[in-house]
PDB file of N, CA and C in Angstrom:
ATOM      1  N   MET A   1      80.437  -8.808  54.036  1.00  0.00           N
ATOM      2  CA  MET A   1      81.761  -7.981  54.543  1.00  0.00           C
ATOM      3  C   MET A   1      81.186  -6.822  53.364  1.00  0.00           C
ATOM      4  N   SER A   2      81.056  -5.517  53.958  1.00  0.00           N
ATOM      5  CA  SER A   2      80.601  -4.448  53.503  1.00  0.00           C
ATOM      6  C   SER A   2      81.873  -3.512  52.647  1.00  0.00           C
ATOM      7  N   ASN A   3      81.717  -3.087  51.850  1.00  0.00           N
ATOM      8  CA  ASN A   3      82.752  -1.888  51.311  1.00  0.00           C
ATOM      9  C   ASN A   3      82.640  -0.754  51.170  1.00  0.00           C
ATOM     10  N   HIS A   4      81.349  -0.475  52.210  1.00  0.00           N
ATOM     11  CA  HIS A   4      81.260   0.961  52.213  1.00  0.00           C
ATOM     12  C   HIS A   4      81.742   1.824  53.424  1.00  0.00           C
ATOM     13  N   PRO A   5      82.503   2.683  53.041  1.00  0.00           N
ATOM     14  CA  PRO A   5      83.776   3.291  53.692  1.00  0.00           C
ATOM     15  C   PRO A   5      83.096   3.792  55.074  1.00  0.00           C
ATOM     16  N   ASN A   6      81.608   4.292  55.263  1.00  0.00           N
ATOM     17  CA  ASN A   6      81.591   4.528  56.773  1.00  0.00           C
ATOM     18  C   ASN A   6      80.896   3.645  57.595  1.00  0.00           C
ATOM     19  N   ARG A   7      80.884   1.926  57.400  1.00  0.00           N
ATOM     20  CA  ARG A   7      80.379   1.374  58.059  1.00  0.00           C
ATOM     21  C   ARG A   7      81.208   0.736  58.854  1.00  0.00           C
ATOM     22  N   THR A   8      81.424   0.125  60.504  1.00  0.00           N
ATOM     23  CA  THR A   8      81.761  -0.316  60.736  1.00  0.00           C
ATOM     24  C   THR A   8      81.607  -1.695  60.753  1.00  0.00           C
ATOM     25  N   GLN A   9      83.006  -2.385  60.813  1.00  0.00           N
ATOM     26  CA  GLN A   9      82.630  -3.928  60.927  1.00  0.00           C
ATOM     27  C   GLN A   9      81.596  -4.531  61.885  1.00  0.00           C
ATOM     28  N   THR A  10      81.087  -5.469  61.752  1.00  0.00           N
ATOM     29  CA  THR A  10      79.770  -6.021  62.980  1.00  0.00           C
ATOM     30  C   THR A  10      80.169  -7.769  63.236  1.00  0.00           C
ATOM     31  N   SER A  11      80.660  -7.833  64.420  1.00  0.00           N
ATOM     32  CA  SER A  11      81.327  -9.355  64.998  1.00  0.00           C
ATOM     33  C   SER A  11      79.885  -9.688  65.609  1.00  0.00           C
ATOM     34  N   LEU A  12      79.547 -11.104  65.114  1.00  0.00           N
ATOM     35  CA  LEU A  12      78.571 -11.452  65.230  1.00  0.00           C
ATOM     36  C   LEU A  12      79.272 -12.689  66.391  1.00  0.00           C
ATOM     37  N   GLU A  13      78.695 -13.080  67.586  1.00  0.00           N
ATOM     38  CA  GLU A  13      78.695 -13.714  68.736  1.00  0.00           C
ATOM     39  C   GLU A  13      77.702 -15.065  68.601  1.00  0.00           C
ATOM     40  N   VAL A  14      78.144 -16.026  68.165  1.00  0.00           N
ATOM     41  CA  VAL A  14      77.204 -17.369  68.152  1.00  0.00           C
ATOM     42  C   VAL A  14      77.069 -17.895  69.670  1.00  0.00           C
ATOM     43  N   PRO A  15      76.237 -18.305  70.405  1.00  0.00           N
ATOM     44  CA  PRO A  15      76.327 -18.827  71.908  1.00  0.00           C
ATOM     45  C   PRO A  15      76.785 -19.997  71.414  1.00  0.00           C
ATOM     46  N   PRO A  16      77.562 -20.946  72.446  1.00  0.00           N
ATOM     47  CA  PRO A  16      77.719 -22.236  72.071  1.00  0.00           C
ATOM     48  C   PRO A  16      76.390 -23.302  71.928  1.00  0.00           C
ATOM     49  N   ASP A  17      75.409 -22.739  72.824  1.00  0.00           N
ATOM     50  CA  ASP A  17      74.231 -23.452  73.309  1.00  0.00           C
ATOM     51  C   ASP A  17      73.121 -23.329  72.003  1.00  0.00           C
ATOM     52  N   LEU A  18      73.651 -22.517  71.202  1.00  0.00           N
ATOM     53  CA  LEU A  18      72.711 -22.234  70.265  1.00  0.00           C
ATOM     54  C   LEU A  18      71.928 -23.289  69.919  1.00  0.00           C
ATOM     55  N   ASP A  19      70.242 -23.553  69.484  1.00  0.00           N
ATOM     56  CA  ASP A  19      69.617 -24.491  69.179  1.00  0.00           C
ATOM     57  C   ASP A  19      69.806 -23.917  67.459  1.00  0.00           C
ATOM     58  N   VAL A  20      70.617 -24.912  66.711  1.00  0.00           N
ATOM     59  CA  VAL A  20      70.440 -24.764  65.139  1.00  0.00           C
ATOM     60  C   VAL A  20      68.941 -25.626  64.447  1.00  0.00           C
ATOM     61  N   VAL A  21      68.096 -24.839  63.730  1.00  0.00           N
ATOM     62  CA  VAL A  21      66.936 -25.294  63.179  1.00  0.00           C
ATOM     63  C   VAL A  21      67.065 -25.794  61.871  1.00  0.00           C
ATOM     64  N   TYR A  22      67.051 -26.722  60.989  1.00  0.00           N
ATOM     65  CA  TYR A  22      66.566 -27.113  60.149  1.00  0.00           C
ATOM     66  C   TYR A  22      65.605 -26.793  59.320  1.00  0.00           C
ATOM     67  N   SER A  23      65.287 -26.363  57.979  1.00  0.00           N
ATOM     68  CA  SER A  23      64.041 -25.938  57.751  1.00  0.00           C
ATOM     69  C   SER A  23      63.908 -25.739  56.061  1.00  0.00           C
ATOM     70  N   ASN A  24      62.653 -26.792  55.805  1.00  0.00           N
ATOM     71  CA  ASN A  24      62.889 -27.022  54.093  1.00  0.00           C
ATOM     72  C   ASN A  24      61.280 -26.264  53.964  1.00  0.00           C
ATOM     73  N   LEU A  25      60.745 -25.123  54.638  1.00  0.00           N
ATOM     74  CA  LEU A  25      59.260 -24.568  54.783  1.00  0.00           C
ATOM     75  C   LEU A  25      59.375 -23.271  55.334  1.00  0.00           C
ATOM     76  N   VAL A  26      59.283 -22.194  54.327  1.00  0.00           N
ATOM     77  CA  VAL A  26      58.860 -21.085  55.459  1.00  0.00           C
ATOM     78  C   VAL A  26      57.641 -20.379  55.181  1.00  0.00           C
ATOM     79  N   ARG A  27      57.072 -19.913  56.190  1.00  0.00           N
ATOM     80  CA  ARG A  27      55.699 -19.363  56.066  1.00  0.00           C
ATOM     81  C   ARG A  27      55.713 -17.824  56.310  1.00  0.00           C
ATOM     82  N   ILE A  28      55.628 -17.026  54.999  1.00  0.00           N
ATOM     83  CA  ILE A  28      55.486 -15.533  54.977  1.00  0.00           C
ATOM     84  C   ILE A  28      54.513 -14.781  55.367  1.00  0.00           C
ATOM     85  N   ALA A  29      54.141 -14.111  56.356  1.00  0.00           N
ATOM     86  CA  ALA A  29      52.947 -12.711  56.781  1.00  0.00           C
ATOM     87  C   ALA A  29      53.716 -11.728  57.037  1.00  0.00           C
ATOM     88  N   HIS A  30      52.660 -11.051  56.294  1.00  0.00           N
ATOM     89  CA  HIS A  30      52.887  -8.885  56.770  1.00  0.00           C
ATOM     90  C   HIS A  30      52.261  -8.430  57.014  1.00  0.00           C
ATOM     91  N   SER A  31      52.031  -7.145  57.836  1.00  0.00           N
ATOM     92  CA  SER A  31      51.394  -5.810  58.049  1.00  0.00           C
ATOM     93  C   SER A  31      52.355  -4.943  57.348  1.00  0.00           C
ATOM     94  N   PRO A  32      51.344  -3.484  57.649  1.00  0.00           N
ATOM     95  CA  PRO A  32      51.881  -2.322  57.213  1.00  0.00           C
ATOM     96  C   PRO A  32      53.761  -2.540  57.730  1.00  0.00           C
ATOM     97  N   ALA A  33      54.048  -2.417  58.990  1.00  0.00           N
ATOM     98  CA  ALA A  33      55.567  -2.676  59.657  1.00  0.00           C
ATOM     99  C   ALA A  33      56.095  -3.570  59.901  1.00  0.00           C
ATOM    100  N   ASP A  34      55.556  -5.090  59.523  1.00  0.00           N
ATOM    101  CA  ASP A  34      56.317  -5.923  60.020  1.00  0.00           C
ATOM    102  C   ASP A  34      56.189  -7.053  58.595  1.00  0.00           C
ATOM    103  N   LEU A  35      57.376  -7.828  58.553  1.00  0.00           N
ATOM    104  CA  LEU A  35      57.179  -9.305  57.891  1.00  0.00           C
ATOM    105  C   LEU A  35      57.841 -10.548  59.016  1.00  0.00           C
ATOM    106  N   VAL A  36      56.682 -11.069  59.196  1.00  0.00           N
ATOM    107  CA  VAL A  36      57.039 -12.363  59.957  1.00  0.00           C
ATOM    108  C   VAL A  36      57.337 -13.936  58.873  1.00  0.00           C
ATOM    109  N   LEU A  37      58.541 -14.379  59.653  1.00  0.00           N
ATOM    110  CA  LEU A  37      58.974 -15.387  58.818  1.00  0.00           C
ATOM    111  C   LEU A  37      59.016 -16.927  59.760  1.00  0.00           C
ATOM    112  N   ASP A  38      57.840 -17.579  59.826  1.00  0.00           N
ATOM    113  CA  ASP A  38      57.872 -18.790  60.244  1.00  0.00           C
ATOM    114  C   ASP A  38      58.434 -20.083  59.283  1.00  0.00           C
ATOM    115  N   PHE A  39      59.960 -20.535  60.347  1.00  0.00           N
ATOM    116  CA  PHE A  39      60.484 -21.285  59.429  1.00  0.00           C
ATOM    117  C   PHE A  39      60.273 -23.038  60.358  1.00  0.00           C
ATOM    118  N   ALA A  40      59.804 -24.093  59.384  1.00  0.00           N
ATOM    119  CA  ALA A  40      59.626 -25.302  59.422  1.00  0.00           C
ATOM    120  C   ALA A  40      60.267 -26.585  59.020  1.00  0.00           C
ATOM    121  N   HIS A  41      59.825 -27.440  59.616  1.00  0.00           N
ATOM    122  CA  HIS A  41      60.524 -28.915  58.807  1.00  0.00           C
ATOM    123  C   HIS A  41      59.390 -29.775  58.249  1.00  0.00           C
ATOM    124  N   LEU A  42      59.173 -29.940  57.263  1.00  0.00           N
ATOM    125  CA  LEU A  42      58.435 -31.001  56.953  1.00  0.00           C
ATOM    126  C   LEU A  42      58.727 -32.049  56.508  1.00  0.00           C
ATOM    127  N   LEU A  43      58.475 -33.086  57.034  1.00  0.00           N
ATOM    128  CA  LEU A  43      59.180 -34.495  56.490  1.00  0.00           C
ATOM    129  C   LEU A  43      58.027 -34.735  55.404  1.00  0.00           C
ATOM    130  N   PRO A  44      58.676 -35.704  54.398  1.00  0.00           N
ATOM    131  CA  PRO A  44      58.122 -36.319  53.193  1.00  0.00           C
ATOM    132  C   PRO A  44      56.645 -37.581  54.122  1.00  0.00           C
ATOM    133  N   GLY A  45      55.831 -37.177  53.224  1.00  0.00           N
ATOM    134  CA  GLY A  45      54.898 -37.977  53.470  1.00  0.00           C
ATOM    135  C   GLY A  45      53.913 -37.267  54.931  1.00  0.00           C
ATOM    136  N   GLU A  46      54.367 -36.149  55.497  1.00  0.00           N
ATOM    137  CA  GLU A  46      53.498 -36.045  56.403  1.00  0.00           C
ATOM    138  C   GLU A  46      52.836 -34.623  55.919  1.00  0.00           C
ATOM    139  N   THR A  47      51.824 -33.828  56.637  1.00  0.00           N
ATOM    140  CA  THR A  47      51.030 -32.703  55.977  1.00  0.00           C
ATOM    141  C   THR A  47      51.018 -31.864  57.501  1.00  0.00           C
ATOM    142  N   ASN A  48      51.446 -31.825  58.463  1.00  0.00           N
ATOM    143  CA  ASN A  48      51.876 -31.300  59.516  1.00  0.00           C
ATOM    144  C   ASN A  48      53.579 -30.713  59.809  1.00  0.00           C
ATOM    145  N   ALA A  49      53.820 -29.771  59.623  1.00  0.00           N
ATOM    146  CA  ALA A  49      55.095 -29.045  60.011  1.00  0.00           C
ATOM    147  C   ALA A  49      54.900 -28.132  61.533  1.00  0.00           C
ATOM    148  N   ARG A  50      56.019 -28.686  62.272  1.00  0.00           N
ATOM    149  CA  ARG A  50      56.288 -27.667  63.506  1.00  0.00           C
ATOM    150  C   ARG A  50      57.061 -26.658  63.282  1.00  0.00           C
ATOM    151  N   VAL A  51      56.673 -25.527  63.632  1.00  0.00           N
ATOM    152  CA  VAL A  51      57.478 -23.793  63.274  1.00  0.00           C
ATOM    153  C   VAL A  51      58.463 -24.604  64.389  1.00  0.00           C
ATOM    154  N   GLY A  52      59.871 -24.124  64.141  1.00  0.00           N
ATOM    155  CA  GLY A  52      61.229 -23.965  64.678  1.00  0.00           C
ATOM    156  C   GLY A  52      61.655 -22.593  65.320  1.00  0.00           C
ATOM    157  N   ALA A  53      61.433 -22.116  64.686  1.00  0.00           N
ATOM    158  CA  ALA A  53      61.873 -20.411  64.572  1.00  0.00           C
ATOM    159  C   ALA A  53      60.860 -19.565  63.657  1.00  0.00           C
ATOM    160  N   ARG A  54      60.958 -18.151  64.397  1.00  0.00           N
ATOM    161  CA  ARG A  54      59.813 -17.476  63.712  1.00  0.00           C
ATOM    162  C   ARG A  54      60.735 -16.025  63.970  1.00  0.00           C
ATOM    163  N   ILE A  55      61.060 -15.390  63.016  1.00  0.00           N
ATOM    164  CA  ILE A  55      61.577 -14.089  62.410  1.00  0.00           C
ATOM    165  C   ILE A  55      60.904 -13.368  62.360  1.00  0.00           C
ATOM    166  N   LEU A  56      61.078 -12.255  62.860  1.00  0.00           N
ATOM    167  CA  LEU A  56      60.356 -10.631  62.718  1.00  0.00           C
ATOM    168  C   LEU A  56      61.121 -10.086  61.878  1.00  0.00           C
ATOM    169  N   MET A  57      60.959  -9.327  61.076  1.00  0.00           N
ATOM    170  CA  MET A  57      61.697  -8.269  60.448  1.00  0.00           C
ATOM    171  C   MET A  57      61.152  -7.095  60.061  1.00  0.00           C
ATOM    172  N   THR A  58      61.581  -5.907  59.981  1.00  0.00           N
ATOM    173  CA  THR A  58      60.975  -4.706  59.085  1.00  0.00           C
ATOM    174  C   THR A  58      60.735  -5.123  57.883  1.00  0.00           C
ATOM    175  N   PRO A  59      60.192  -4.488  57.061  1.00  0.00           N
ATOM    176  CA  PRO A  59      60.056  -4.650  55.448  1.00  0.00           C
ATOM    177  C   PRO A  59      61.414  -3.938  55.148  1.00  0.00           C
ATOM    178  N   LEU A  60      62.127  -3.302  55.475  1.00  0.00           N
ATOM    179  CA  LEU A  60      63.334  -2.460  55.281  1.00  0.00           C
ATOM    180  C   LEU A  60      64.603  -3.795  55.300  1.00  0.00           C
ATOM    181  N   SER A  61      64.223  -4.296  56.359  1.00  0.00           N
ATOM    182  CA  SER A  61      65.283  -5.572  57.071  1.00  0.00           C
ATOM    183  C   SER A  61      65.030  -6.376  56.267  1.00  0.00           C
ATOM    184  N   ALA A  62      63.937  -7.292  55.784  1.00  0.00           N
ATOM    185  CA  ALA A  62      63.669  -8.031  54.582  1.00  0.00           C
ATOM    186  C   ALA A  62      63.924  -7.579  53.154  1.00  0.00           C
ATOM    187  N   LYS A  63      64.264  -6.827  52.843  1.00  0.00           N
ATOM    188  CA  LYS A  63      64.109  -6.669  51.466  1.00  0.00           C
ATOM    189  C   LYS A  63      65.777  -6.708  51.524  1.00  0.00           C
ATOM    190  N   LEU A  64      66.941  -5.799  52.477  1.00  0.00           N
ATOM    191  CA  LEU A  64      68.463  -5.791  52.595  1.00  0.00           C
ATOM    192  C   LEU A  64      68.545  -8.024  52.699  1.00  0.00           C
ATOM    193  N   LEU A  65      67.787  -8.257  53.340  1.00  0.00           N
ATOM    194  CA  LEU A  65      67.625  -9.974  53.455  1.00  0.00           C
ATOM    195  C   LEU A  65      67.876 -10.498  52.002  1.00  0.00           C
ATOM    196  N   LEU A  66      66.819 -10.071  51.376  1.00  0.00           N
ATOM    197  CA  LEU A  66      66.823 -10.595  49.925  1.00  0.00           C
ATOM    198  C   LEU A  66      67.447 -10.432  49.043  1.00  0.00           C
ATOM    199  N   ARG A  67      68.240  -9.159  49.190  1.00  0.00           N
ATOM    200  CA  ARG A  67      69.397  -8.608  48.380  1.00  0.00           C
ATOM    201  C   ARG A  67      70.474  -9.592  48.714  1.00  0.00           C
ATOM    202  N   ALA A  68      70.984  -9.650  50.423  1.00  0.00           N
ATOM    203  CA  ALA A  68      71.966 -10.754  50.934  1.00  0.00           C
ATOM    204  C   ALA A  68      71.652 -11.876  49.890  1.00  0.00           C
ATOM    205  N   LEU A  69      70.856 -12.567  50.129  1.00  0.00           N
ATOM    206  CA  LEU A  69      70.366 -13.951  49.640  1.00  0.00           C
ATOM    207  C   LEU A  69      70.769 -13.563  48.137  1.00  0.00           C
ATOM    208  N   THR A  70      70.345 -12.815  47.312  1.00  0.00           N
ATOM    209  CA  THR A  70      70.423 -13.049  45.901  1.00  0.00           C
ATOM    210  C   THR A  70      71.667 -13.098  45.674  1.00  0.00           C
ATOM    211  N   GLU A  71      72.699 -11.975  46.169  1.00  0.00           N
ATOM    212  CA  GLU A  71      73.840 -11.855  46.139  1.00  0.00           C
ATOM    213  C   GLU A  71      74.434 -13.427  46.512  1.00  0.00           C
ATOM    214  N   ASN A  72      74.564 -14.052  47.365  1.00  0.00           N
ATOM    215  CA  ASN A  72      74.816 -15.174  47.964  1.00  0.00           C
ATOM    216  C   ASN A  72      74.437 -16.507  47.482  1.00  0.00           C
ATOM    217  N   ILE A  73      73.290 -16.592  46.655  1.00  0.00           N
ATOM    218  CA  ILE A  73      73.259 -17.757  46.076  1.00  0.00           C
ATOM    219  C   ILE A  73      73.926 -17.171  44.545  1.00  0.00           C
ATOM    220  N   ALA A  74      74.091 -16.215  44.188  1.00  0.00           N
ATOM    221  CA  ALA A  74      74.374 -16.268  42.657  1.00  0.00           C
ATOM    222  C   ALA A  74      76.321 -16.064  42.632  1.00  0.00           C
ATOM    223  N   ARG A  75      76.669 -16.171  44.098  1.00  0.00           N
ATOM    224  CA  ARG A  75      78.442 -16.655  44.249  1.00  0.00           C
ATOM    225  C   ARG A  75      78.620 -18.235  44.515  1.00  0.00           C
ATOM    226  N   TYR A  76      77.253 -18.707  45.130  1.00  0.00           N
ATOM    227  CA  TYR A  76      77.052 -19.921  45.298  1.00  0.00           C
ATOM    228  C   TYR A  76      77.289 -20.631  44.458  1.00  0.00           C
ATOM    229  N   GLU A  77      76.361 -20.275  43.391  1.00  0.00           N
ATOM    230  CA  GLU A  77      76.041 -20.923  41.849  1.00  0.00           C
ATOM    231  C   GLU A  77      77.666 -20.639  40.741  1.00  0.00           C
ATOM    232  N   ALA A  78      78.387 -19.809  41.088  1.00  0.00           N
ATOM    233  CA  ALA A  78      79.096 -19.281  40.701  1.00  0.00           C
ATOM    234  C   ALA A  78      80.674 -20.406  40.999  1.00  0.00           C
ATOM    235  N   ALA A  79      80.386 -20.688  42.186  1.00  0.00           N
ATOM    236  CA  ALA A  79      81.516 -21.610  42.578  1.00  0.00           C
ATOM    237  C   ALA A  79      81.022 -22.974  42.386  1.00  0.00           C
ATOM    238  N   PHE A  80      79.988 -23.577  42.393  1.00  0.00           N
ATOM    239  CA  PHE A  80      79.327 -24.615  42.361  1.00  0.00           C
ATOM    240  C   PHE A  80      78.319 -25.228  41.392  1.00  0.00           C
ATOM    241  N   GLY A  81      78.125 -24.182  40.438  1.00  0.00           N
ATOM    242  CA  GLY A  81      77.083 -24.728  39.651  1.00  0.00           C
ATOM    243  C   GLY A  81      75.602 -23.956  39.930  1.00  0.00           C
ATOM    244  N   GLU A  82      74.870 -23.743  38.796  1.00  0.00           N
ATOM    245  CA  GLU A  82      73.604 -23.617  39.021  1.00  0.00           C
ATOM    246  C   GLU A  82      72.634 -24.617  39.741  1.00  0.00           C
ATOM    247  N   ILE A  83      71.819 -24.108  40.797  1.00  0.00           N
ATOM    248  CA  ILE A  83      70.858 -24.913  41.397  1.00  0.00           C
ATOM    249  C   ILE A  83      69.313 -24.867  40.629  1.00  0.00           C
ATOM    250  N   HIS A  84      69.509 -26.033  40.335  1.00  0.00           N
ATOM    251  CA  HIS A  84      67.840 -26.472  39.464  1.00  0.00           C
ATOM    252  C   HIS A  84      66.810 -26.755  40.463  1.00  0.00           C
ATOM    253  N   MET A  85      65.889 -25.967  40.007  1.00  0.00           N
ATOM    254  CA  MET A  85      64.680 -25.565  40.213  1.00  0.00           C
ATOM    255  C   MET A  85      63.787 -26.998  39.929  1.00  0.00           C
ATOM    256  N   PRO A  86      62.955 -27.729  40.951  1.00  0.00           N
ATOM    257  CA  PRO A  86      62.461 -28.936  40.465  1.00  0.00           C
ATOM    258  C   PRO A  86      60.729 -28.209  39.694  1.00  0.00           C
ATOM    259  N   VAL A  87      60.505 -28.984  38.886  1.00  0.00           N
ATOM    260  CA  VAL A  87      58.950 -28.505  38.201  1.00  0.00           C
ATOM    261  C   VAL A  87      58.021 -28.351  39.249  1.00  0.00           C
ATOM    262  N   SER A  88      57.704 -28.394  40.064  1.00  0.00           N
ATOM    263  CA  SER A  88      56.649 -28.297  41.225  1.00  0.00           C
ATOM    264  C   SER A  88      57.307 -28.519  42.668  1.00  0.00           C
ATOM    265  N   THR A  89      57.178 -27.463  42.711  1.00  0.00           N
ATOM    266  CA  THR A  89      57.838 -27.506  44.691  1.00  0.00           C
ATOM    267  C   THR A  89      56.908 -27.307  45.674  1.00  0.00           C
ATOM    268  N   LEU A  90      57.295 -27.904  46.868  1.00  0.00           N
ATOM    269  CA  LEU A  90      56.137 -27.457  47.649  1.00  0.00           C
ATOM    270  C   LEU A  90      55.525 -25.927  47.958  1.00  0.00           C
ATOM    271  N   ALA A  91      56.455 -25.121  48.217  1.00  0.00           N
ATOM    272  CA  ALA A  91      55.917 -24.275  47.773  1.00  0.00           C
ATOM    273  C   ALA A  91      54.944 -23.520  46.603  1.00  0.00           C
ATOM    274  N   ASP A  92      55.173 -24.068  45.866  1.00  0.00           N
ATOM    275  CA  ASP A  92      54.100 -23.989  44.388  1.00  0.00           C
ATOM    276  C   ASP A  92      52.877 -24.677  44.951  1.00  0.00           C
ATOM    277  N   GLN A  93      52.798 -25.997  45.753  1.00  0.00           N
ATOM    278  CA  GLN A  93      51.679 -26.705  46.057  1.00  0.00           C
ATOM    279  C   GLN A  93      51.193 -25.283  47.333  1.00  0.00           C
ATOM    280  N   LEU A  94      52.188 -25.143  48.189  1.00  0.00           N
ATOM    281  CA  LEU A  94      51.004 -24.421  49.452  1.00  0.00           C
ATOM    282  C   LEU A  94      51.249 -23.080  49.250  1.00  0.00           C
ATOM    283  N   PHE A  95      51.815 -22.027  48.595  1.00  0.00           N
ATOM    284  CA  PHE A  95      51.218 -20.876  48.010  1.00  0.00           C
ATOM    285  C   PHE A  95      50.810 -20.197  46.877  1.00  0.00           C
ATOM    286  N   ARG A  96      50.289 -21.129  46.269  1.00  0.00           N
ATOM    287  CA  ARG A  96      49.562 -21.373  44.862  1.00  0.00           C
ATOM    288  C   ARG A  96      48.466 -20.288  44.869  1.00  0.00           C
ATOM    289  N   PRO A  97      48.032 -19.225  44.189  1.00  0.00           N
ATOM    290  CA  PRO A  97      46.978 -18.812  44.636  1.00  0.00           C
ATOM    291  C   PRO A  97      45.594 -19.504  44.296  1.00  0.00           C
ATOM    292  N   LEU A  98      44.683 -19.348  44.931  1.00  0.00           N
ATOM    293  CA  LEU A  98      43.633 -20.138  44.572  1.00  0.00           C
ATOM    294  C   LEU A  98      42.619 -18.984  43.741  1.00  0.00           C
ATOM    295  N   HIS A  99      42.430 -19.844  42.535  1.00  0.00           N
ATOM    296  CA  HIS A  99      41.499 -18.920  41.395  1.00  0.00           C
ATOM    297  C   HIS A  99      40.609 -19.659  40.919  1.00  0.00           C
ATOM    298  N   PRO A 100      39.175 -19.105  41.240  1.00  0.00           N
ATOM    299  CA  PRO A 100      37.886 -20.063  40.627  1.00  0.00           C
ATOM    300  C   PRO A 100      38.034 -20.439  39.772  1.00  0.00           C
ATOM    301  N   PRO A 101      37.097 -21.108  39.111  1.00  0.00           N
ATOM    302  CA  PRO A 101      36.939 -21.654  37.544  1.00  0.00           C
ATOM    303  C   PRO A 101      36.740 -20.793  36.715  1.00  0.00           C
ATOM    304  N   ASP A 102      36.954 -20.740  35.542  1.00  0.00           N
ATOM    305  CA  ASP A 102      36.409 -20.084  33.870  1.00  0.00           C
ATOM    306  C   ASP A 102      35.184 -20.671  34.293  1.00  0.00           C
ATOM    307  N   GLY A 103      34.545 -19.923  33.911  1.00  0.00           N
ATOM    308  CA  GLY A 103      33.174 -20.432  33.425  1.00  0.00           C
ATOM    309  C   GLY A 103      31.690 -19.873  34.877  1.00  0.00           C
ATOM    310  N   PRO A 104      30.467 -20.467  34.031  1.00  0.00           N
ATOM    311  CA  PRO A 104      29.605 -20.443  35.222  1.00  0.00           C
ATOM    312  C   PRO A 104      29.888 -21.791  36.076  1.00  0.00           C
ATOM    313  N   ALA A 105      29.245 -21.750  37.400  1.00  0.00           N
ATOM    314  CA  ALA A 105      29.945 -22.670  37.846  1.00  0.00           C
ATOM    315  C   ALA A 105      28.628 -23.785  38.036  1.00  0.00           C
ATOM    316  N   PRO A 106      29.070 -25.168  38.112  1.00  0.00           N
ATOM    317  CA  PRO A 106      28.010 -26.082  37.867  1.00  0.00           C
ATOM    318  C   PRO A 106      26.886 -26.206  38.480  1.00  0.00           C
ATOM    319  N   GLU A 107      25.739 -26.546  38.026  1.00  0.00           N
ATOM    320  CA  GLU A 107      24.249 -26.579  38.888  1.00  0.00           C
ATOM    321  C   GLU A 107      24.360 -27.600  39.797  1.00  0.00           C
ATOM    322  N   GLU A 108      23.648 -27.606  40.933  1.00  0.00           N
ATOM    323  CA  GLU A 108      23.444 -28.970  41.307  1.00  0.00           C
ATOM    324  C   GLU A 108      22.543 -30.227  40.763  1.00  0.00           C
ATOM    325  N   GLY A 109      22.472 -31.024  41.304  1.00  0.00           N
ATOM    326  CA  GLY A 109      22.104 -31.983  40.619  1.00  0.00           C
ATOM    327  C   GLY A 109      22.301 -32.732  39.185  1.00  0.00           C
ATOM    328  N   LYS A 110      22.993 -31.687  38.431  1.00  0.00           N
ATOM    329  CA  LYS A 110      23.677 -31.990  37.166  1.00  0.00           C
ATOM    330  C   LYS A 110      24.904 -33.005  37.009  1.00  0.00           C
ATOM    331  N   ALA A 111      25.007 -34.315  36.470  1.00  0.00           N
ATOM    332  CA  ALA A 111      26.299 -34.640  36.153  1.00  0.00           C
ATOM    333  C   ALA A 111      26.809 -33.791  35.139  1.00  0.00           C
TER     334      ALA A 111
END
């Protein structure tokens, strides 16, 4: 709900046959014009996840979504307590940048 005086209230209609997609994994890609969010569900012990929904957004819409999520998570935590993040998450494992090892590369044939 917006407190902005010049905005009209938007009503969302949810079709009764809308498929609900559970997601515990999202892959994010972008171009200069768009952000693509592929939502998937990864089962424990599995290595493949099937994308259940793809959302395409402008960078502005994505930034507004980030703001809305930040505000809603803050409200959730105020009502229900802090969400504790695990030490290592699937996102950490999947999206950690690859860094080459420090120092010279090992020579072949040497142990």
